[in-house]
Amino acid sequence: MSHAVADPPVVEFGHVEHVTVHFDDLDALGILHNARYAVLLERAVTPYWAERGHGFRGRDSSPDVFHAVREFTIRYRAPIAAVGPVAVHFWLEQLGTTSASYAFEFRSVDGSTVYAEGTRAVVRLDPATLRPAPWSDAARAVATSLLRPA
């Protein structure tokens, strides 16, 4: 299921997903609360993987959906001061045996304003032991399509 509100732009690498900022995402100043960026990034990345066979479906889920965020960094460039769609451009900087490192940008839908940029590292976990586990070949194939060219 896509959250697209318009056709996302074509990008040279990675993927752009449109997500919606709702009124309850805003803080008392009327700008997107800083903690909501991580949630909106998750809402951008999740449909990308789900549309490629790696969605969360309880016990029937692909084992590759079991991963934990190891690190999240963000730099704020301009406030998002309204409800409505924003464009989230994300890509992989690195794909390891058990981990992956994303980079991302939050932009206006027309791409002219960068609201925030950052990184997110995840580790694939074995659901039984919660220890690092290798990505499957199927997940690696999807992830490779997100890698930023060298």
N, C-alpha and C. Protein backbone atom coordinates (compact mmCIF):
# COMPACT_ATOMS: atom_id res chain seq x y z
N MET A 1 0.84 -1.17 0.00
CA MET A 1 0.00 0.00 0.00
C MET A 1 0.88 1.23 0.00
N SER A 2 0.66 2.11 -0.88
CA SER A 2 1.43 3.34 -0.98
C SER A 2 0.69 4.48 -0.29
N HIS A 3 1.46 5.36 0.29
CA HIS A 3 0.89 6.56 0.91
C HIS A 3 1.00 7.75 -0.02
N ALA A 4 1.22 7.49 -1.29
CA ALA A 4 1.46 8.56 -2.26
C ALA A 4 0.24 9.47 -2.38
N VAL A 5 0.51 10.76 -2.42
CA VAL A 5 -0.54 11.75 -2.65
C VAL A 5 -0.36 12.36 -4.03
N ALA A 6 0.77 12.12 -4.62
CA ALA A 6 1.09 12.56 -5.98
C ALA A 6 2.19 11.64 -6.46
N ASP A 7 2.49 11.68 -7.73
CA ASP A 7 3.57 10.84 -8.22
C ASP A 7 4.89 11.31 -7.63
N PRO A 8 5.59 10.42 -6.88
CA PRO A 8 6.90 10.81 -6.36
C PRO A 8 7.87 11.07 -7.51
N PRO A 9 8.82 11.96 -7.30
CA PRO A 9 9.76 12.27 -8.37
C PRO A 9 10.69 11.10 -8.67
N VAL A 10 11.22 11.09 -9.86
CA VAL A 10 12.24 10.12 -10.22
C VAL A 10 13.56 10.62 -9.65
N VAL A 11 14.28 9.73 -8.98
CA VAL A 11 15.55 10.12 -8.38
C VAL A 11 16.66 9.23 -8.95
N GLU A 12 17.88 9.69 -8.87
CA GLU A 12 19.02 8.95 -9.42
C GLU A 12 19.33 7.70 -8.62
N PHE A 13 18.99 7.69 -7.34
CA PHE A 13 19.24 6.52 -6.49
C PHE A 13 18.24 6.56 -5.35
N GLY A 14 18.02 5.41 -4.74
CA GLY A 14 17.08 5.33 -3.63
C GLY A 14 15.64 5.43 -4.10
N HIS A 15 14.79 5.90 -3.20
CA HIS A 15 13.35 5.96 -3.45
C HIS A 15 12.77 7.17 -2.73
N VAL A 16 11.71 7.73 -3.29
CA VAL A 16 10.97 8.82 -2.65
C VAL A 16 9.56 8.32 -2.36
N GLU A 17 9.14 8.48 -1.13
CA GLU A 17 7.78 8.13 -0.71
C GLU A 17 7.16 9.37 -0.10
N HIS A 18 5.93 9.66 -0.47
CA HIS A 18 5.22 10.78 0.15
C HIS A 18 4.50 10.27 1.39
N VAL A 19 4.64 11.00 2.48
CA VAL A 19 3.93 10.70 3.72
C VAL A 19 3.17 11.95 4.13
N THR A 20 2.17 11.76 4.96
CA THR A 20 1.31 12.88 5.36
C THR A 20 1.60 13.31 6.79
N VAL A 21 1.81 14.60 6.97
CA VAL A 21 1.90 15.19 8.30
C VAL A 21 0.48 15.55 8.72
N HIS A 22 0.07 15.04 9.88
CA HIS A 22 -1.27 15.30 10.41
C HIS A 22 -1.19 16.36 11.52
N PHE A 23 -2.33 16.93 11.86
CA PHE A 23 -2.39 17.96 12.88
C PHE A 23 -1.78 17.50 14.20
N ASP A 24 -2.03 16.24 14.58
CA ASP A 24 -1.50 15.76 15.87
C ASP A 24 0.01 15.47 15.82
N ASP A 25 0.65 15.64 14.67
CA ASP A 25 2.10 15.53 14.56
C ASP A 25 2.79 16.85 14.91
N LEU A 26 2.02 17.93 14.97
CA LEU A 26 2.59 19.26 15.23
C LEU A 26 2.73 19.50 16.73
N ASP A 27 3.71 20.31 17.10
CA ASP A 27 3.89 20.65 18.50
C ASP A 27 3.14 21.94 18.83
N ALA A 28 3.36 22.47 20.02
CA ALA A 28 2.64 23.67 20.47
C ALA A 28 2.98 24.91 19.63
N LEU A 29 4.09 24.88 18.93
CA LEU A 29 4.48 26.00 18.06
C LEU A 29 3.89 25.87 16.66
N GLY A 30 3.22 24.75 16.41
CA GLY A 30 2.63 24.53 15.09
C GLY A 30 3.61 23.98 14.06
N ILE A 31 4.73 23.42 14.54
CA ILE A 31 5.69 22.79 13.63
C ILE A 31 5.78 21.30 13.94
N LEU A 32 6.24 20.54 12.96
CA LEU A 32 6.35 19.10 13.16
C LEU A 32 7.25 18.82 14.36
N HIS A 33 6.72 18.06 15.33
CA HIS A 33 7.48 17.73 16.53
C HIS A 33 8.69 16.90 16.14
N ASN A 34 9.82 17.19 16.77
CA ASN A 34 11.07 16.52 16.39
C ASN A 34 10.99 15.00 16.47
N ALA A 35 10.25 14.46 17.42
CA ALA A 35 10.16 13.00 17.57
C ALA A 35 9.36 12.35 16.44
N ARG A 36 8.56 13.11 15.73
CA ARG A 36 7.71 12.54 14.67
C ARG A 36 8.49 12.21 13.40
N TYR A 37 9.67 12.80 13.22
CA TYR A 37 10.45 12.51 12.02
C TYR A 37 10.80 11.02 11.93
N ALA A 38 11.16 10.40 13.03
CA ALA A 38 11.49 8.97 13.01
C ALA A 38 10.28 8.14 12.61
N VAL A 39 9.10 8.51 13.11
CA VAL A 39 7.87 7.80 12.77
C VAL A 39 7.55 7.98 11.29
N LEU A 40 7.67 9.20 10.79
CA LEU A 40 7.38 9.44 9.38
C LEU A 40 8.38 8.73 8.47
N LEU A 41 9.63 8.64 8.88
CA LEU A 41 10.60 7.87 8.10
C LEU A 41 10.18 6.41 8.04
N GLU A 42 9.76 5.87 9.17
CA GLU A 42 9.28 4.47 9.20
C GLU A 42 8.09 4.30 8.26
N ARG A 43 7.20 5.28 8.24
CA ARG A 43 6.02 5.20 7.36
C ARG A 43 6.39 5.35 5.89
N ALA A 44 7.55 5.87 5.60
CA ALA A 44 8.03 5.95 4.21
C ALA A 44 8.72 4.65 3.80
N VAL A 45 9.55 4.12 4.68
CA VAL A 45 10.34 2.92 4.36
C VAL A 45 9.47 1.67 4.34
N THR A 46 8.53 1.55 5.26
CA THR A 46 7.71 0.33 5.38
C THR A 46 6.96 -0.03 4.11
N PRO A 47 6.24 0.89 3.45
CA PRO A 47 5.55 0.48 2.23
C PRO A 47 6.49 0.08 1.10
N TYR A 48 7.67 0.69 1.06
CA TYR A 48 8.64 0.31 0.03
C TYR A 48 8.97 -1.18 0.14
N TRP A 49 9.29 -1.61 1.35
CA TRP A 49 9.63 -3.02 1.56
C TRP A 49 8.41 -3.92 1.42
N ALA A 50 7.27 -3.49 1.93
CA ALA A 50 6.05 -4.31 1.87
C ALA A 50 5.65 -4.58 0.42
N GLU A 51 5.75 -3.58 -0.43
CA GLU A 51 5.39 -3.74 -1.84
C GLU A 51 6.33 -4.69 -2.57
N ARG A 52 7.44 -5.03 -1.94
CA ARG A 52 8.42 -5.93 -2.54
C ARG A 52 8.52 -7.25 -1.77
N GLY A 53 7.45 -7.57 -1.02
CA GLY A 53 7.36 -8.87 -0.36
C GLY A 53 7.91 -8.96 1.04
N HIS A 54 8.24 -7.84 1.65
CA HIS A 54 8.81 -7.86 3.00
C HIS A 54 7.99 -7.01 3.95
N GLY A 55 6.69 -7.31 4.02
CA GLY A 55 5.80 -6.59 4.92
C GLY A 55 5.58 -7.38 6.20
N PHE A 56 5.15 -6.69 7.24
CA PHE A 56 4.87 -7.36 8.51
C PHE A 56 3.47 -7.96 8.46
N ARG A 57 3.41 -9.28 8.62
CA ARG A 57 2.14 -10.02 8.61
C ARG A 57 2.10 -11.01 9.78
N GLY A 58 2.53 -10.57 10.93
CA GLY A 58 2.53 -11.46 12.09
C GLY A 58 3.48 -12.63 11.90
N ARG A 59 3.03 -13.83 12.24
CA ARG A 59 3.88 -15.02 12.14
C ARG A 59 4.29 -15.35 10.70
N ASP A 60 3.51 -14.89 9.74
CA ASP A 60 3.81 -15.17 8.34
C ASP A 60 4.74 -14.13 7.72
N SER A 61 5.32 -13.28 8.52
CA SER A 61 6.19 -12.22 8.01
C SER A 61 7.50 -12.78 7.49
N SER A 62 8.06 -12.08 6.54
CA SER A 62 9.42 -12.37 6.09
C SER A 62 10.34 -12.18 7.30
N PRO A 63 11.30 -13.08 7.52
CA PRO A 63 12.19 -12.90 8.67
C PRO A 63 13.00 -11.60 8.60
N ASP A 64 13.13 -11.04 7.42
CA ASP A 64 13.91 -9.82 7.27
C ASP A 64 13.22 -8.58 7.84
N VAL A 65 11.93 -8.67 8.18
CA VAL A 65 11.27 -7.51 8.80
C VAL A 65 11.62 -7.41 10.28
N PHE A 66 12.27 -8.41 10.82
CA PHE A 66 12.68 -8.37 12.22
C PHE A 66 14.06 -7.72 12.30
N HIS A 67 14.04 -6.44 12.54
CA HIS A 67 15.29 -5.70 12.69
C HIS A 67 15.06 -4.58 13.71
N ALA A 68 16.16 -4.12 14.27
CA ALA A 68 16.09 -3.05 15.27
C ALA A 68 16.93 -1.87 14.80
N VAL A 69 16.48 -0.69 15.14
CA VAL A 69 17.24 0.51 14.83
C VAL A 69 18.39 0.61 15.83
N ARG A 70 19.60 0.65 15.31
CA ARG A 70 20.79 0.75 16.15
C ARG A 70 21.19 2.21 16.38
N GLU A 71 20.94 3.03 15.37
CA GLU A 71 21.34 4.44 15.46
C GLU A 71 20.43 5.28 14.58
N PHE A 72 20.10 6.47 15.07
CA PHE A 72 19.29 7.41 14.31
C PHE A 72 19.86 8.79 14.54
N THR A 73 20.23 9.48 13.45
CA THR A 73 20.71 10.85 13.56
C THR A 73 19.88 11.73 12.63
N ILE A 74 19.70 12.96 13.04
CA ILE A 74 18.92 13.88 12.20
C ILE A 74 19.44 15.30 12.39
N ARG A 75 19.45 16.05 11.30
CA ARG A 75 19.80 17.47 11.30
C ARG A 75 18.60 18.21 10.72
N TYR A 76 18.10 19.16 11.47
CA TYR A 76 16.93 19.92 11.03
C TYR A 76 17.40 21.15 10.25
N ARG A 77 16.82 21.37 9.08
CA ARG A 77 17.22 22.48 8.21
C ARG A 77 16.16 23.58 8.17
N ALA A 78 14.89 23.19 8.13
CA ALA A 78 13.79 24.16 8.08
C ALA A 78 12.57 23.49 8.71
N PRO A 79 11.74 24.24 9.42
CA PRO A 79 10.58 23.62 10.05
C PRO A 79 9.50 23.25 9.04
N ILE A 80 8.83 22.15 9.32
CA ILE A 80 7.60 21.80 8.60
C ILE A 80 6.49 22.41 9.43
N ALA A 81 5.82 23.41 8.89
CA ALA A 81 4.86 24.20 9.67
C ALA A 81 3.44 24.09 9.13
N ALA A 82 3.10 22.95 8.57
CA ALA A 82 1.75 22.76 8.03
C ALA A 82 1.46 21.27 7.95
N VAL A 83 0.19 20.95 7.88
CA VAL A 83 -0.20 19.56 7.63
C VAL A 83 -0.19 19.32 6.12
N GLY A 84 -0.13 18.06 5.76
CA GLY A 84 -0.12 17.71 4.34
C GLY A 84 1.07 16.85 3.99
N PRO A 85 1.26 16.62 2.70
CA PRO A 85 2.31 15.69 2.27
C PRO A 85 3.71 16.29 2.34
N VAL A 86 4.67 15.43 2.63
CA VAL A 86 6.09 15.73 2.49
C VAL A 86 6.73 14.56 1.76
N ALA A 87 7.82 14.83 1.09
CA ALA A 87 8.55 13.79 0.36
C ALA A 87 9.71 13.30 1.21
N VAL A 88 9.81 11.99 1.36
CA VAL A 88 10.92 11.39 2.08
C VAL A 88 11.76 10.61 1.06
N HIS A 89 12.97 11.10 0.83
CA HIS A 89 13.91 10.42 -0.07
C HIS A 89 14.84 9.61 0.82
N PHE A 90 14.90 8.30 0.59
CA PHE A 90 15.79 7.45 1.38
C PHE A 90 16.56 6.51 0.47
N TRP A 91 17.72 6.11 0.95
CA TRP A 91 18.59 5.20 0.21
C TRP A 91 19.51 4.50 1.20
N LEU A 92 20.21 3.49 0.71
CA LEU A 92 21.19 2.79 1.53
C LEU A 92 22.59 3.28 1.19
N GLU A 93 23.34 3.59 2.23
CA GLU A 93 24.75 3.93 2.07
C GLU A 93 25.62 2.69 2.19
N GLN A 94 25.14 1.70 2.96
CA GLN A 94 25.93 0.50 3.22
C GLN A 94 24.99 -0.66 3.50
N LEU A 95 25.34 -1.83 2.98
CA LEU A 95 24.60 -3.06 3.26
C LEU A 95 25.61 -4.10 3.71
N GLY A 96 25.52 -4.48 4.99
CA GLY A 96 26.43 -5.47 5.54
C GLY A 96 25.77 -6.84 5.61
N THR A 97 26.42 -7.76 6.27
CA THR A 97 25.89 -9.11 6.42
C THR A 97 24.62 -9.11 7.26
N THR A 98 24.63 -8.34 8.36
CA THR A 98 23.49 -8.31 9.28
C THR A 98 22.94 -6.90 9.51
N SER A 99 23.52 -5.92 8.87
CA SER A 99 23.10 -4.53 9.12
C SER A 99 22.95 -3.77 7.81
N ALA A 100 22.33 -2.62 7.92
CA ALA A 100 22.18 -1.72 6.77
C ALA A 100 22.16 -0.29 7.30
N SER A 101 22.74 0.62 6.54
CA SER A 101 22.78 2.03 6.92
C SER A 101 22.06 2.86 5.87
N TYR A 102 20.96 3.46 6.29
CA TYR A 102 20.17 4.35 5.43
C TYR A 102 20.65 5.78 5.59
N ALA A 103 20.42 6.58 4.56
CA ALA A 103 20.47 8.03 4.65
C ALA A 103 19.12 8.52 4.13
N PHE A 104 18.71 9.69 4.57
CA PHE A 104 17.39 10.18 4.16
C PHE A 104 17.35 11.70 4.17
N GLU A 105 16.37 12.21 3.43
CA GLU A 105 16.04 13.63 3.42
C GLU A 105 14.53 13.78 3.47
N PHE A 106 14.07 14.73 4.25
CA PHE A 106 12.67 15.17 4.22
C PHE A 106 12.66 16.43 3.37
N ARG A 107 11.83 16.44 2.32
CA ARG A 107 11.76 17.57 1.40
C ARG A 107 10.32 17.98 1.17
N SER A 108 10.16 19.19 0.68
CA SER A 108 8.84 19.59 0.21
C SER A 108 8.50 18.71 -0.99
N VAL A 109 7.21 18.56 -1.29
CA VAL A 109 6.80 17.70 -2.39
C VAL A 109 7.43 18.14 -3.71
N ASP A 110 7.61 19.44 -3.89
CA ASP A 110 8.23 19.91 -5.14
C ASP A 110 9.76 19.81 -5.10
N GLY A 111 10.31 19.38 -3.96
CA GLY A 111 11.75 19.17 -3.84
C GLY A 111 12.57 20.40 -3.56
N SER A 112 11.95 21.56 -3.48
CA SER A 112 12.71 22.81 -3.36
C SER A 112 13.22 23.09 -1.95
N THR A 113 12.60 22.52 -0.94
CA THR A 113 13.00 22.78 0.45
C THR A 113 13.43 21.48 1.12
N VAL A 114 14.62 21.50 1.72
CA VAL A 114 15.07 20.38 2.54
C VAL A 114 14.73 20.72 3.98
N TYR A 115 13.86 19.92 4.59
CA TYR A 115 13.46 20.15 5.97
C TYR A 115 14.42 19.51 6.96
N ALA A 116 14.89 18.30 6.62
CA ALA A 116 15.77 17.58 7.52
C ALA A 116 16.52 16.52 6.73
N GLU A 117 17.64 16.09 7.29
CA GLU A 117 18.42 15.01 6.69
C GLU A 117 19.06 14.21 7.80
N GLY A 118 19.36 12.96 7.52
CA GLY A 118 19.96 12.16 8.57
C GLY A 118 20.30 10.76 8.12
N THR A 119 20.56 9.93 9.12
CA THR A 119 20.92 8.53 8.88
C THR A 119 20.17 7.64 9.85
N ARG A 120 20.05 6.39 9.45
CA ARG A 120 19.42 5.38 10.31
C ARG A 120 20.09 4.05 10.03
N ALA A 121 20.63 3.42 11.05
CA ALA A 121 21.26 2.11 10.91
C ALA A 121 20.36 1.07 11.57
N VAL A 122 20.18 -0.06 10.88
CA VAL A 122 19.37 -1.15 11.41
C VAL A 122 20.18 -2.43 11.43
N VAL A 123 19.81 -3.33 12.35
CA VAL A 123 20.43 -4.65 12.45
C VAL A 123 19.33 -5.69 12.33
N ARG A 124 19.51 -6.62 11.41
CA ARG A 124 18.56 -7.73 11.24
C ARG A 124 18.73 -8.67 12.43
N LEU A 125 17.61 -9.06 13.06
CA LEU A 125 17.64 -9.92 14.24
C LEU A 125 16.93 -11.24 13.97
N ASP A 126 17.46 -12.28 14.57
CA ASP A 126 16.76 -13.56 14.58
C ASP A 126 15.60 -13.40 15.57
N PRO A 127 14.35 -13.64 15.14
CA PRO A 127 13.22 -13.39 16.04
C PRO A 127 13.21 -14.28 17.28
N ALA A 128 13.85 -15.44 17.23
CA ALA A 128 13.86 -16.35 18.38
C ALA A 128 14.92 -15.95 19.40
N THR A 129 16.10 -15.54 18.94
CA THR A 129 17.20 -15.26 19.85
C THR A 129 17.46 -13.77 20.06
N LEU A 130 16.93 -12.94 19.17
CA LEU A 130 17.18 -11.50 19.16
C LEU A 130 18.67 -11.17 18.99
N ARG A 131 19.38 -12.08 18.36
CA ARG A 131 20.79 -11.87 18.02
C ARG A 131 20.89 -11.49 16.55
N PRO A 132 21.95 -10.78 16.14
CA PRO A 132 22.10 -10.45 14.73
C PRO A 132 22.06 -11.68 13.84
N ALA A 133 21.41 -11.53 12.70
CA ALA A 133 21.26 -12.63 11.74
C ALA A 133 21.45 -12.06 10.33
N PRO A 134 21.94 -12.88 9.41
CA PRO A 134 22.16 -12.38 8.04
C PRO A 134 20.86 -12.09 7.31
N TRP A 135 20.92 -11.09 6.43
CA TRP A 135 19.80 -10.80 5.54
C TRP A 135 19.63 -11.96 4.57
N SER A 136 18.40 -12.23 4.18
CA SER A 136 18.14 -13.27 3.17
C SER A 136 18.58 -12.76 1.80
N ASP A 137 18.72 -13.69 0.86
CA ASP A 137 19.05 -13.30 -0.51
C ASP A 137 17.96 -12.41 -1.10
N ALA A 138 16.70 -12.70 -0.76
CA ALA A 138 15.58 -11.90 -1.28
C ALA A 138 15.65 -10.46 -0.76
N ALA A 139 15.96 -10.30 0.52
CA ALA A 139 16.08 -8.95 1.08
C ALA A 139 17.29 -8.23 0.50
N ARG A 140 18.38 -8.95 0.31
CA ARG A 140 19.58 -8.33 -0.27
C ARG A 140 19.29 -7.82 -1.68
N ALA A 141 18.47 -8.56 -2.44
CA ALA A 141 18.13 -8.13 -3.80
C ALA A 141 17.36 -6.81 -3.77
N VAL A 142 16.41 -6.69 -2.84
CA VAL A 142 15.66 -5.44 -2.70
C VAL A 142 16.59 -4.33 -2.22
N ALA A 143 17.38 -4.62 -1.21
CA ALA A 143 18.27 -3.62 -0.62
C ALA A 143 19.27 -3.09 -1.65
N THR A 144 19.75 -3.96 -2.50
CA THR A 144 20.73 -3.54 -3.51
C THR A 144 20.16 -2.44 -4.41
N SER A 145 18.85 -2.50 -4.65
CA SER A 145 18.23 -1.47 -5.49
C SER A 145 18.19 -0.10 -4.81
N LEU A 146 18.40 -0.07 -3.50
CA LEU A 146 18.41 1.19 -2.76
C LEU A 146 19.81 1.77 -2.57
N LEU A 147 20.85 1.00 -2.90
CA LEU A 147 22.21 1.46 -2.65
C LEU A 147 22.56 2.68 -3.49
N ARG A 148 23.19 3.62 -2.84
CA ARG A 148 23.68 4.82 -3.54
C ARG A 148 24.91 4.42 -4.34
N PRO A 149 24.98 4.81 -5.61
CA PRO A 149 26.17 4.47 -6.40
C PRO A 149 27.43 5.08 -5.79
N ALA A 150 28.53 4.37 -5.93
CA ALA A 150 29.82 4.84 -5.37
C ALA A 150 30.34 6.04 -6.13
